[in-house]
Amino acid sequence: MNKKRVLYQAKEYKDIRELVNETVKTYPDNIAFIIKEKQGEKITYKNITYKMLKEDIDALGTALIDLGLRDKKIAIIANNRYEWCISYLATLCGVGIVVPLDKSLPAGEIESLLQRSYADAVIFENKYSEIMENIKQNSTNNVEYYICMDNAENKEHISLNDLLAKGKALLTTKDTRFKDAIIDPEKMNIILFTSGTTSASKAVMLSQKNIVSNIHALNSIIKVEPTDRNLAFLPLHHTFGSTGLLFFISNGVSNVFCDGLKYIQKNLQEYKVTIFVCVPLLLEAMDKRILKEIDKQGKTKLIKIVTKISNFLLKFGIDIRRKVFKDIINNLGGLRMAVSGAAGIDKNVVENFTNFGIETVQGYGLTETAPVITAENDENIRYGSVGFPLKNVEIGIFEPNEQGIGEVIAKGPNVMLGYFENEEATKEVLIDGWFHTGDLGYVDKDGFLFITGRKKNVIVMKNGKNIYPEELEALITTLPYVAENMVFGIPTRDDDLDLAAKIVYNKEYVEETFGEISKEELQEKIWQDIKKINKTMPPYKYIREIIVTDEPMIKTTTQKVKRFEEIKKILNEK
């Protein structure tokens, strides 16, 4: 069933240091990072080559070892930036254990996670200086060194720039403690906290073998070129972001940083980005904007005709998509590939981007699997699926029902070592060598995996029927004015559940499309559209209530809705 689809030759690495060294050896003068620097109104761009990147990694690693941090735990918290990358790489390439922290955490949780991880040092950007000073003064944690990525305003904090200078000086004296440090690729080298409250979040233990095995498998199915340019948008503290960055580094790709959510399209054009790795919500929003602009220009019918012609020619190996849809592609900076992960995506969105000549592939995985389990590529796409298992990963469906839907389980060298100091939670998910994902899905006859929902999200009705909210959410997402939505169960008087949907509408779209419309009129308009969706469903899946708002939902840094926090908030307001 699970066919092996190894399409490209891919190098295997024993650890992350070897990956970095091989890249520098192969692409020394390629631009690794483009750094935007602002001085008032003046903007300049600084190019960091792979050779320069390696020099910074070696310098910082040497300085950290000189501080006494060999085999110690080093936490990192900051927005995506070059200093985050060299801190992460230096720690992994010979210093110790890295603990990436979510940049959106409140002060109390930062302190708690520093304690739970027994961090010996923390590297942070300037905006966390006050938080770090309070932690230093009032906490009983293990942190000995507070290192600021910017020019440290607090003299008690160490400047990262000073460490780089010190490391470079030590290297001139033939200090090889960092370069000669022995790395055990099978030991815990990364502690990553899952999203959730401080008490509920679990600390995932990953090894370098987990990461490099995943990068090898990705290189076997996804072809990127050293001429590509990647927009590092996903938060680097998330394994999808950090493993993705290492994947691009292994191919000598140039990496740039996003200025923020609302600047994505501007950054795509500014840097001429060719590859964009993101979450489905963003691609769906981009797709809606493109279709809206096409409709605004009165070109919807024309685009449909041209799409049919180009797809017909494609059957004969003639690809004219990027020529005929040049304006659309140029508006996205020349994008050639979009990679979506972290959640399911509307198959119509994938089809639209593919029709325009932008290769759009999906992947699926979790923090615990470093992270990718399945993925698509240009040779193997099945709309609606999340791809097929990577070459070194096995998947299975645990306890499938009559439709073949059950819990997705996975086995491979990318599966975590376990949860840090939580043996009970580890035993719950690692059973007989298989990792139980908590996601529900099925595998088709050709080995493609389809995710139907999250096990803990399933709504169980009194009549025993199971409803996967993600199925209904995918239908609601197709409504052009919907920015995001969530389907959930509301308790009824007879101890059953009614299905409800919270719908966040795109204010700009509504104003432009419907003009001056009252909240009541908009509610009624949306309700009529929901009733049309209901008619395509069996009665037990009917949505009985809607909540309409333009206020964004509570989300993680990877733009996943915090479902249970939202439900709790809704029920409290009732």
Protein backbone atom coordinates (compact mmCIF):
# COMPACT_ATOMS: atom_id res chain seq x y z
CA MET A 1 0.00 0.00 0.00
CA ASN A 2 2.59 2.58 1.09
CA LYS A 3 4.63 2.84 -2.08
CA LYS A 4 8.23 4.07 -1.87
CA ARG A 5 8.56 7.14 -4.03
CA VAL A 6 12.22 8.15 -3.80
CA LEU A 7 12.62 10.56 -6.69
CA TYR A 8 15.90 12.33 -5.93
CA GLN A 9 19.31 11.32 -4.65
CA ALA A 10 19.76 12.86 -1.21
CA LYS A 11 22.73 13.02 1.12
CA GLU A 12 22.47 11.57 4.60
CA TYR A 13 24.02 13.53 7.45
CA LYS A 14 25.20 12.13 10.77
CA ASP A 15 24.46 15.40 12.59
CA ILE A 16 23.64 19.09 12.05
CA ARG A 17 27.31 20.16 12.13
CA GLU A 18 28.03 17.90 9.16
CA LEU A 19 25.02 19.38 7.34
CA VAL A 20 26.31 22.94 7.88
CA ASN A 21 29.91 22.02 6.95
CA GLU A 22 28.82 20.27 3.74
CA THR A 23 26.71 23.27 2.70
CA VAL A 24 29.57 25.70 3.34
CA LYS A 25 31.96 23.45 1.40
CA THR A 26 29.54 23.24 -1.58
CA TYR A 27 28.10 26.78 -1.57
CA PRO A 28 30.64 29.02 0.28
CA ASP A 29 29.76 32.19 -1.64
CA ASN A 30 26.00 31.66 -1.88
CA ILE A 31 23.97 34.16 0.11
CA ALA A 32 22.67 32.37 3.20
CA PHE A 33 20.74 35.31 4.67
CA ILE A 34 19.69 38.77 3.53
CA ILE A 35 19.40 41.09 6.51
CA LYS A 36 17.30 44.25 6.26
CA GLU A 37 18.76 47.11 8.29
CA LYS A 38 16.82 50.29 9.08
CA GLN A 39 18.29 53.62 10.13
CA GLY A 40 15.39 56.05 10.33
CA GLU A 41 13.89 56.18 6.84
CA LYS A 42 16.96 54.63 5.25
CA ILE A 43 16.82 50.90 4.46
CA THR A 44 19.89 48.86 3.47
CA TYR A 45 20.37 45.15 2.87
CA LYS A 46 23.30 43.11 4.16
CA ASN A 47 24.22 39.79 2.53
CA ILE A 48 25.59 36.98 4.72
CA THR A 49 27.29 34.25 2.67
CA TYR A 50 27.45 30.64 3.85
CA LYS A 51 31.16 31.11 4.55
CA MET A 52 30.34 34.12 6.77
CA LEU A 53 27.55 32.15 8.48
CA LYS A 54 30.00 29.37 9.37
CA GLU A 55 32.48 31.92 10.75
CA ASP A 56 29.75 33.38 13.00
CA ILE A 57 28.63 29.91 14.16
CA ASP A 58 32.22 28.92 15.02
CA ALA A 59 32.87 32.21 16.82
CA LEU A 60 29.68 32.12 18.89
CA GLY A 61 30.08 28.40 19.67
CA THR A 62 33.66 28.95 20.83
CA ALA A 63 32.62 31.88 23.05
CA LEU A 64 29.72 29.91 24.59
CA ILE A 65 32.05 27.02 25.43
CA ASP A 66 34.52 29.52 26.92
CA LEU A 67 31.70 30.70 29.21
CA GLY A 68 31.44 27.13 30.50
CA LEU A 69 28.27 26.15 28.61
CA ARG A 70 29.53 22.90 27.07
CA ASP A 71 26.75 20.28 27.43
CA LYS A 72 24.49 22.87 29.09
CA LYS A 73 20.96 23.93 28.16
CA ILE A 74 20.59 27.21 26.26
CA ALA A 75 17.15 28.78 25.74
CA ILE A 76 16.44 31.16 22.84
CA ILE A 77 13.56 33.63 22.58
CA ALA A 78 13.18 36.24 19.84
CA ASN A 79 11.43 37.02 16.59
CA ASN A 80 12.79 35.31 13.49
CA ARG A 81 16.17 36.92 12.84
CA TYR A 82 19.75 36.08 11.96
CA GLU A 83 20.93 36.09 15.59
CA TRP A 84 18.28 33.48 16.43
CA CYS A 85 19.65 31.26 13.67
CA ILE A 86 23.32 31.46 14.68
CA SER A 87 22.41 30.95 18.37
CA TYR A 88 20.46 27.81 17.45
CA LEU A 89 23.13 26.47 15.09
CA ALA A 90 26.06 27.24 17.40
CA THR A 91 24.36 25.42 20.28
CA LEU A 92 23.65 22.35 18.14
CA CYS A 93 27.01 22.26 16.35
CA GLY A 94 29.05 21.56 19.46
CA VAL A 95 27.88 23.46 22.56
CA GLY A 96 24.90 21.79 24.19
CA ILE A 97 21.12 21.44 24.28
CA VAL A 98 18.92 24.12 22.71
CA VAL A 99 15.55 25.16 24.17
CA PRO A 100 13.61 27.33 21.67
CA LEU A 101 10.84 29.30 23.41
CA ASP A 102 7.65 30.74 21.91
CA LYS A 103 8.16 34.47 21.34
CA SER A 104 4.53 35.21 22.26
CA LEU A 105 4.69 33.79 25.79
CA PRO A 106 3.84 36.06 28.73
CA ALA A 107 6.54 36.70 31.34
CA GLY A 108 5.22 34.12 33.81
CA GLU A 109 5.33 31.33 31.27
CA ILE A 110 8.82 32.27 30.07
CA GLU A 111 10.02 32.00 33.66
CA SER A 112 8.21 28.70 34.17
CA LEU A 113 9.65 27.10 31.02
CA LEU A 114 13.17 28.28 31.88
CA GLN A 115 12.71 26.48 35.20
CA ARG A 116 11.15 23.35 33.71
CA SER A 117 13.95 22.99 31.15
CA TYR A 118 16.72 23.76 33.70
CA ALA A 119 18.16 26.30 31.24
CA ASP A 120 21.69 27.43 32.13
CA ALA A 121 21.64 30.39 29.74
CA VAL A 122 19.05 32.33 27.77
CA ILE A 123 19.66 34.26 24.55
CA PHE A 124 17.02 36.92 23.88
CA GLU A 125 16.33 40.07 21.93
CA ASN A 126 16.16 43.49 23.56
CA LYS A 127 12.37 43.62 24.02
CA TYR A 128 12.66 40.84 26.63
CA SER A 129 15.37 42.65 28.64
CA GLU A 130 13.02 43.84 31.38
CA ILE A 131 11.37 40.42 31.68
CA MET A 132 14.79 38.77 31.93
CA GLU A 133 15.95 41.25 34.57
CA ASN A 134 12.85 40.52 36.67
CA ILE A 135 13.42 36.78 36.28
CA LYS A 136 17.07 37.22 37.25
CA GLN A 137 16.20 39.24 40.37
CA ASN A 138 13.19 37.25 41.58
CA SER A 139 13.46 33.71 40.29
CA THR A 140 15.10 30.62 41.73
CA ASN A 141 15.80 29.18 38.28
CA ASN A 142 19.05 27.71 37.00
CA VAL A 143 19.92 30.47 34.51
CA GLU A 144 23.48 31.77 34.97
CA TYR A 145 23.97 33.76 31.75
CA TYR A 146 21.57 36.29 30.22
CA ILE A 147 22.70 37.06 26.65
CA CYS A 148 21.11 39.88 24.64
CA MET A 149 21.08 39.71 20.83
CA ASP A 150 21.16 43.50 20.60
CA ASN A 151 23.48 45.97 22.28
CA ALA A 152 22.68 45.14 25.87
CA GLU A 153 21.12 48.15 27.63
CA ASN A 154 21.49 46.37 30.95
CA LYS A 155 25.15 46.01 31.91
CA GLU A 156 24.29 42.82 33.79
CA HIS A 157 23.40 41.18 30.46
CA ILE A 158 26.03 39.87 28.05
CA SER A 159 26.03 41.22 24.49
CA LEU A 160 25.88 38.62 21.73
CA ASN A 161 28.06 40.91 19.59
CA ASP A 162 30.69 40.91 22.32
CA LEU A 163 30.57 37.11 22.40
CA LEU A 164 31.05 36.97 18.62
CA ALA A 165 34.07 39.27 18.88
CA LYS A 166 35.51 37.22 21.75
CA GLY A 167 34.95 33.96 19.86
CA LYS A 168 36.72 35.29 16.76
CA ALA A 169 39.67 36.35 18.93
CA LEU A 170 39.82 32.90 20.55
CA LEU A 171 39.77 31.23 17.13
CA THR A 172 42.88 33.20 16.10
CA THR A 173 44.67 31.52 19.03
CA LYS A 174 43.81 28.09 17.55
CA ASP A 175 41.06 27.42 20.12
CA THR A 176 39.41 24.25 18.76
CA ARG A 177 37.20 23.32 21.72
CA PHE A 178 34.04 24.03 19.71
CA LYS A 179 35.15 22.60 16.37
CA ASP A 180 36.44 19.41 18.03
CA ALA A 181 33.46 18.92 20.36
CA ILE A 182 32.03 15.42 20.03
CA ILE A 183 28.32 15.30 19.11
CA ASP A 184 26.19 12.26 19.94
CA PRO A 185 23.41 12.39 17.30
CA GLU A 186 21.20 9.99 19.29
CA LYS A 187 21.15 11.97 22.55
CA MET A 188 18.63 14.65 23.45
CA ASN A 189 19.83 17.88 21.84
CA ILE A 190 16.60 19.89 21.57
CA ILE A 191 13.79 20.51 24.05
CA LEU A 192 10.68 21.91 22.38
CA PHE A 193 7.56 22.81 24.32
CA THR A 194 4.23 22.05 22.68
CA SER A 195 1.61 24.81 22.60
CA GLY A 196 -0.69 24.95 25.61
CA THR A 197 -0.72 26.41 29.09
CA THR A 198 2.51 26.12 31.06
CA SER A 199 1.28 23.16 33.09
CA ALA A 200 -0.26 21.39 30.06
CA SER A 201 2.54 21.98 27.56
CA LYS A 202 4.79 18.98 27.12
CA ALA A 203 8.54 19.23 26.54
CA VAL A 204 9.44 17.18 23.47
CA MET A 205 12.95 15.69 23.46
CA LEU A 206 14.51 15.55 19.99
CA SER A 207 17.91 14.28 18.89
CA GLN A 208 20.02 15.46 15.96
CA LYS A 209 19.31 12.10 14.33
CA ASN A 210 15.57 12.92 14.47
CA ILE A 211 16.20 16.19 12.60
CA VAL A 212 18.78 15.11 10.00
CA SER A 213 16.86 11.94 9.12
CA ASN A 214 13.84 14.14 8.38
CA ILE A 215 15.92 16.53 6.24
CA HIS A 216 17.35 13.59 4.27
CA ALA A 217 13.84 12.27 3.59
CA LEU A 218 12.58 15.73 2.56
CA ASN A 219 15.50 16.15 0.15
CA SER A 220 14.47 12.82 -1.41
CA ILE A 221 11.09 14.14 -2.50
CA ILE A 222 11.24 17.95 -2.67
CA LYS A 223 13.59 19.55 -5.16
CA VAL A 224 14.86 23.00 -4.31
CA GLU A 225 17.73 24.81 -6.00
CA PRO A 226 20.61 26.86 -4.58
CA THR A 227 19.20 29.75 -6.61
CA ASP A 228 15.92 29.66 -4.63
CA ARG A 229 14.96 32.26 -2.05
CA ASN A 230 12.97 31.26 1.03
CA LEU A 231 10.83 33.59 3.14
CA ALA A 232 11.43 32.38 6.72
CA PHE A 233 7.93 33.21 7.93
CA LEU A 234 7.03 30.35 10.28
CA PRO A 235 8.26 30.94 13.85
CA LEU A 236 11.69 29.35 14.26
CA HIS A 237 10.87 28.14 17.77
CA HIS A 238 8.41 25.77 16.06
CA THR A 239 9.93 22.59 14.62
CA PHE A 240 8.22 23.17 11.25
CA GLY A 241 10.09 26.49 11.07
CA SER A 242 13.50 25.35 12.34
CA THR A 243 13.68 22.01 10.49
CA GLY A 244 12.45 23.82 7.38
CA LEU A 245 15.26 26.35 7.71
CA LEU A 246 17.85 23.55 8.02
CA PHE A 247 16.34 21.87 4.95
CA PHE A 248 16.86 25.07 2.94
CA ILE A 249 20.35 25.55 4.35
CA SER A 250 21.26 22.02 3.21
CA ASN A 251 20.49 23.15 -0.35
CA GLY A 252 22.41 26.43 -0.28
CA VAL A 253 19.19 28.48 -0.50
CA SER A 254 19.03 32.21 0.39
CA ASN A 255 16.80 33.02 3.37
CA VAL A 256 15.00 36.26 4.18
CA PHE A 257 12.84 37.32 7.11
CA CYS A 258 9.24 38.51 7.07
CA ASP A 259 8.40 41.94 8.51
CA GLY A 260 5.09 40.65 9.86
CA LEU A 261 1.81 39.06 8.86
CA LYS A 262 0.44 42.10 7.02
CA TYR A 263 3.69 42.56 5.05
CA ILE A 264 3.84 39.09 3.50
CA GLN A 265 2.90 40.12 -0.04
CA LYS A 266 5.21 43.16 0.15
CA ASN A 267 8.10 40.94 1.32
CA LEU A 268 7.42 38.38 -1.42
CA GLN A 269 7.82 41.15 -3.99
CA GLU A 270 10.65 42.97 -2.18
CA TYR A 271 12.93 39.92 -1.98
CA LYS A 272 11.71 38.10 -5.13
CA VAL A 273 10.87 35.07 -3.01
CA THR A 274 10.59 31.77 -4.87
CA ILE A 275 9.57 29.45 -2.01
CA PHE A 276 7.09 30.19 0.77
CA VAL A 277 6.47 27.74 3.61
CA CYS A 278 3.38 28.63 5.59
CA VAL A 279 0.17 27.47 7.20
CA PRO A 280 -3.07 26.85 5.22
CA LEU A 281 -4.81 29.93 6.60
CA LEU A 282 -2.34 32.18 4.77
CA LEU A 283 -2.56 30.40 1.42
CA GLU A 284 -6.35 30.41 1.67
CA ALA A 285 -6.32 34.17 2.37
CA MET A 286 -3.93 34.78 -0.55
CA ASP A 287 -6.14 32.71 -2.85
CA LYS A 288 -9.23 34.71 -1.88
CA ARG A 289 -7.40 37.98 -2.57
CA ILE A 290 -6.26 36.76 -6.00
CA LEU A 291 -9.75 35.58 -6.98
CA LYS A 292 -11.29 38.80 -5.68
CA GLU A 293 -8.89 40.90 -7.80
CA ILE A 294 -9.62 38.76 -10.87
CA ASP A 295 -13.35 39.24 -10.30
CA LYS A 296 -12.86 42.98 -9.73
CA GLN A 297 -11.16 43.26 -13.12
CA GLY A 298 -13.96 41.28 -14.78
CA LYS A 299 -11.56 38.52 -15.81
CA THR A 300 -13.10 35.52 -14.02
CA LYS A 301 -14.54 34.00 -17.20
CA LEU A 302 -11.31 34.65 -19.15
CA ILE A 303 -9.16 33.05 -16.44
CA LYS A 304 -11.37 29.93 -16.48
CA ILE A 305 -10.99 29.61 -20.27
CA VAL A 306 -7.20 30.15 -20.16
CA THR A 307 -6.91 27.62 -17.29
CA LYS A 308 -8.72 24.97 -19.35
CA ILE A 309 -6.43 25.60 -22.33
CA SER A 310 -3.21 25.54 -20.26
CA ASN A 311 -4.26 22.36 -18.42
CA PHE A 312 -5.10 20.70 -21.76
CA LEU A 313 -1.65 21.59 -23.16
CA LEU A 314 -0.05 20.31 -19.94
CA LYS A 315 -1.24 16.81 -20.85
CA PHE A 316 1.10 16.99 -23.85
CA GLY A 317 4.03 18.30 -21.82
CA ILE A 318 3.49 21.93 -22.88
CA ASP A 319 3.50 24.18 -19.81
CA ILE A 320 2.41 27.77 -20.49
CA ARG A 321 1.02 28.49 -17.02
CA ARG A 322 3.75 30.86 -15.77
CA LYS A 323 3.57 32.82 -19.03
CA VAL A 324 -0.19 33.28 -19.24
CA PHE A 325 -0.54 33.93 -15.49
CA LYS A 326 2.58 36.09 -15.31
CA ASP A 327 0.77 39.06 -13.72
CA ILE A 328 -0.55 36.94 -10.87
CA ILE A 329 2.85 35.34 -10.25
CA ASN A 330 4.68 38.69 -10.40
CA ASN A 331 2.26 40.07 -7.83
CA LEU A 332 3.58 37.32 -5.53
CA GLY A 333 7.21 38.20 -6.26
CA GLY A 334 7.76 35.40 -8.78
CA LEU A 335 6.77 32.64 -6.35
CA ARG A 336 7.30 29.15 -7.78
CA MET A 337 6.55 26.91 -4.81
CA ALA A 338 4.25 27.09 -1.77
CA VAL A 339 4.55 24.49 0.98
CA SER A 340 1.68 24.18 3.42
CA GLY A 341 1.67 22.32 6.71
CA ALA A 342 0.38 22.28 10.30
CA ALA A 343 -3.28 21.73 9.24
CA GLY A 344 -5.42 20.65 6.30
CA ILE A 345 -5.96 23.03 3.38
CA ASP A 346 -8.92 23.57 1.08
CA LYS A 347 -8.19 21.45 -2.03
CA ASN A 348 -9.63 24.21 -4.26
CA VAL A 349 -6.85 26.52 -3.07
CA VAL A 350 -4.18 23.96 -4.01
CA GLU A 351 -5.82 23.49 -7.40
CA ASN A 352 -5.96 27.25 -8.04
CA PHE A 353 -2.28 27.83 -7.21
CA THR A 354 -1.27 24.79 -9.28
CA ASN A 355 -3.32 26.09 -12.22
CA PHE A 356 -1.40 29.38 -12.01
CA GLY A 357 1.92 27.50 -12.23
CA ILE A 358 2.84 27.74 -8.55
CA GLU A 359 3.77 24.28 -7.31
CA THR A 360 1.76 23.78 -4.13
CA VAL A 361 2.46 20.83 -1.88
CA GLN A 362 1.29 19.78 1.54
CA GLY A 363 3.04 18.12 4.40
CA TYR A 364 1.85 16.67 7.68
CA GLY A 365 3.57 16.08 10.97
CA LEU A 366 3.98 17.11 14.57
CA THR A 367 6.63 18.48 16.90
CA GLU A 368 7.08 14.92 18.16
CA THR A 369 8.07 13.74 14.66
CA ALA A 370 10.69 16.43 13.97
CA PRO A 371 8.21 17.27 12.27
CA VAL A 372 7.29 15.74 8.86
CA ILE A 373 5.57 12.35 8.51
CA THR A 374 4.01 12.65 5.05
CA ALA A 375 4.41 15.07 2.15
CA GLU A 376 3.52 15.62 -1.49
CA ASN A 377 5.72 16.72 -4.34
CA ASP A 378 5.18 17.82 -7.93
CA GLU A 379 5.14 14.21 -9.14
CA ASN A 380 2.72 12.93 -6.52
CA ILE A 381 -0.16 15.21 -5.62
CA ARG A 382 -3.61 14.09 -4.61
CA TYR A 383 -5.95 16.97 -3.82
CA GLY A 384 -7.32 16.74 -0.32
CA SER A 385 -4.53 14.49 0.96
CA VAL A 386 -1.46 15.44 3.00
CA GLY A 387 0.79 13.29 0.84
CA PHE A 388 2.48 9.94 1.27
CA PRO A 389 4.91 8.72 3.97
CA LEU A 390 8.51 9.90 3.76
CA LYS A 391 10.99 7.24 2.62
CA ASN A 392 12.10 6.37 6.16
CA VAL A 393 8.69 6.63 7.85
CA GLU A 394 5.95 4.03 8.25
CA ILE A 395 2.37 5.05 8.96
CA GLY A 396 -0.65 3.07 10.05
CA ILE A 397 -4.27 3.58 11.02
CA PHE A 398 -4.98 2.45 14.58
CA GLU A 399 -8.38 0.88 15.24
CA PRO A 400 -10.07 2.02 11.99
CA ASN A 401 -13.86 2.23 11.86
CA GLU A 402 -16.06 0.93 9.02
CA GLN A 403 -14.98 3.86 6.82
CA GLY A 404 -11.31 3.07 7.44
CA ILE A 405 -10.88 6.14 9.68
CA GLY A 406 -8.79 5.73 12.79
CA GLU A 407 -5.89 7.32 14.65
CA VAL A 408 -2.82 7.99 12.54
CA ILE A 409 0.29 6.32 13.96
CA ALA A 410 3.88 6.62 12.75
CA LYS A 411 7.23 4.92 13.16
CA GLY A 412 10.65 6.12 12.00
CA PRO A 413 14.00 7.71 12.93
CA ASN A 414 12.26 11.11 13.18
CA VAL A 415 10.07 10.08 16.13
CA MET A 416 11.01 11.85 19.38
CA LEU A 417 12.91 10.31 22.28
CA GLY A 418 9.97 11.09 24.56
CA TYR A 419 8.64 13.89 26.77
CA PHE A 420 11.19 15.48 29.11
CA GLU A 421 10.56 14.38 32.72
CA ASN A 422 7.12 13.00 31.79
CA GLU A 423 7.31 9.24 31.48
CA GLU A 424 3.55 8.79 31.89
CA ALA A 425 2.73 11.06 28.92
CA THR A 426 5.47 9.36 26.87
CA LYS A 427 3.95 5.91 27.49
CA GLU A 428 0.54 7.18 26.37
CA VAL A 429 1.78 8.10 22.89
CA LEU A 430 4.76 5.78 22.26
CA ILE A 431 3.37 2.26 22.14
CA ASP A 432 5.35 -0.69 20.74
CA GLY A 433 7.57 1.70 18.78
CA TRP A 434 4.64 3.53 17.20
CA PHE A 435 3.88 7.19 17.88
CA HIS A 436 0.15 7.87 18.29
CA THR A 437 -0.50 11.28 16.76
CA GLY A 438 -3.98 11.99 18.13
CA ASP A 439 -5.07 12.82 14.57
CA LEU A 440 -7.76 10.87 12.75
CA GLY A 441 -7.43 9.89 9.11
CA TYR A 442 -7.38 7.19 6.49
CA VAL A 443 -5.01 5.95 3.78
CA ASP A 444 -6.27 5.46 0.23
CA LYS A 445 -5.34 2.53 -2.04
CA ASP A 446 -2.27 4.38 -3.35
CA GLY A 447 -0.86 5.19 0.07
CA PHE A 448 -1.95 8.84 0.31
CA LEU A 449 -2.94 9.97 3.80
CA PHE A 450 -6.10 11.99 4.40
CA ILE A 451 -6.60 13.73 7.76
CA THR A 452 -10.23 13.91 8.86
CA GLY A 453 -9.81 15.64 12.19
CA ARG A 454 -8.23 15.72 15.60
CA LYS A 455 -9.22 12.88 17.93
CA LYS A 456 -9.90 15.24 20.84
CA ASN A 457 -11.97 17.56 18.59
CA VAL A 458 -14.52 14.92 17.56
CA ILE A 459 -18.06 15.93 18.55
CA VAL A 460 -19.98 12.90 19.83
CA MET A 461 -23.77 13.30 19.58
CA LYS A 462 -26.30 11.59 21.87
CA ASN A 463 -27.30 9.23 19.05
CA GLY A 464 -23.69 7.98 18.90
CA LYS A 465 -22.84 9.80 15.67
CA ASN A 466 -19.32 11.23 15.42
CA ILE A 467 -18.85 14.59 13.73
CA TYR A 468 -15.47 15.84 12.59
CA PRO A 469 -15.68 19.66 12.87
CA GLU A 470 -12.81 20.10 10.38
CA GLU A 471 -15.03 18.67 7.61
CA LEU A 472 -17.65 21.40 8.13
CA GLU A 473 -15.02 24.10 8.67
CA ALA A 474 -13.52 23.30 5.26
CA LEU A 475 -16.92 23.97 3.63
CA ILE A 476 -17.44 27.24 5.52
CA THR A 477 -13.94 28.38 4.53
CA THR A 478 -15.01 28.39 0.87
CA LEU A 479 -17.38 31.30 1.54
CA PRO A 480 -15.43 34.30 0.15
CA TYR A 481 -15.96 36.63 3.12
CA VAL A 482 -14.84 34.08 5.75
CA ALA A 483 -11.44 34.84 7.28
CA GLU A 484 -11.57 31.95 9.76
CA ASN A 485 -14.16 29.74 11.42
CA MET A 486 -14.65 27.06 14.04
CA VAL A 487 -17.39 24.45 14.40
CA PHE A 488 -18.16 23.14 17.90
CA GLY A 489 -20.91 21.61 20.02
CA ILE A 490 -23.18 23.63 22.32
CA PRO A 491 -24.94 21.70 25.13
CA THR A 492 -28.74 21.52 24.89
CA ARG A 493 -31.37 21.10 27.60
CA ASP A 494 -31.85 17.40 26.81
CA ASP A 495 -28.15 16.68 27.46
CA ASP A 496 -27.27 16.53 23.78
CA LEU A 497 -25.29 18.90 21.55
CA ASP A 498 -26.24 21.35 18.81
CA LEU A 499 -23.65 22.23 16.22
CA ALA A 500 -22.59 25.87 16.15
CA ALA A 501 -20.13 27.81 14.04
CA LYS A 502 -18.13 30.85 15.00
CA ILE A 503 -17.40 32.83 11.83
CA VAL A 504 -14.85 35.63 11.61
CA TYR A 505 -15.55 37.67 8.50
CA ASN A 506 -13.13 39.71 6.43
CA LYS A 507 -14.20 43.27 7.21
CA GLU A 508 -12.54 44.74 4.11
CA TYR A 509 -14.22 42.20 1.82
CA VAL A 510 -17.64 42.76 3.39
CA GLU A 511 -17.38 46.55 3.07
CA GLU A 512 -16.22 46.40 -0.55
CA THR A 513 -18.73 43.74 -1.61
CA PHE A 514 -21.87 44.56 0.36
CA GLY A 515 -21.39 48.27 1.03
CA GLU A 516 -23.25 49.64 4.04
CA ILE A 517 -24.70 46.53 5.61
CA SER A 518 -25.97 46.27 9.17
CA LYS A 519 -24.78 43.53 11.52
CA GLU A 520 -28.25 41.99 11.43
CA GLU A 521 -28.31 41.95 7.62
CA LEU A 522 -24.82 40.42 7.47
CA GLN A 523 -25.82 37.80 10.05
CA GLU A 524 -28.85 36.90 7.93
CA LYS A 525 -26.76 36.76 4.73
CA ILE A 526 -24.28 34.39 6.39
CA TRP A 527 -27.09 32.31 7.88
CA GLN A 528 -28.59 31.80 4.41
CA ASP A 529 -25.21 30.57 3.14
CA ILE A 530 -24.90 28.20 6.11
CA LYS A 531 -28.36 26.81 5.36
CA LYS A 532 -27.17 26.03 1.81
CA ILE A 533 -24.22 24.12 3.28
CA ASN A 534 -26.60 22.30 5.65
CA LYS A 535 -28.61 21.03 2.68
CA THR A 536 -25.54 19.16 1.41
CA MET A 537 -25.27 17.31 4.75
CA PRO A 538 -27.30 14.70 6.65
CA PRO A 539 -29.53 16.34 9.30
CA TYR A 540 -27.32 15.33 12.26
CA LYS A 541 -24.53 17.50 10.77
CA TYR A 542 -26.70 20.62 10.45
CA ILE A 543 -25.27 23.78 11.98
CA ARG A 544 -28.01 25.18 14.21
CA GLU A 545 -26.40 28.37 15.48
CA ILE A 546 -23.85 30.91 14.24
CA ILE A 547 -21.73 33.54 15.97
CA VAL A 548 -20.57 36.27 13.60
CA THR A 549 -17.70 38.64 14.39
CA ASP A 550 -14.75 40.46 12.83
CA GLU A 551 -12.57 39.86 15.90
CA PRO A 552 -9.81 37.28 15.21
CA MET A 553 -9.87 34.08 17.22
CA ILE A 554 -7.28 33.08 19.81
CA LYS A 555 -4.47 31.36 17.91
CA THR A 556 -1.07 29.79 18.37
CA THR A 557 2.00 31.35 16.73
CA THR A 558 1.50 28.94 13.83
CA GLN A 559 -1.99 30.40 13.33
CA LYS A 560 -3.90 27.37 14.63
CA VAL A 561 -7.09 28.26 16.47
CA LYS A 562 -6.92 27.46 20.18
CA ARG A 563 -10.20 25.61 19.95
CA PHE A 564 -10.84 24.87 23.60
CA GLU A 565 -9.94 28.38 24.74
CA GLU A 566 -12.37 29.74 22.15
CA ILE A 567 -15.16 27.38 23.20
CA LYS A 568 -14.63 28.26 26.86
CA LYS A 569 -14.78 31.97 26.00
CA ILE A 570 -18.00 31.52 23.97
CA LEU A 571 -19.76 29.49 26.68
CA ASN A 572 -18.74 32.02 29.36
CA GLU A 573 -20.28 34.83 27.29
CA LYS A 574 -23.58 33.00 26.81
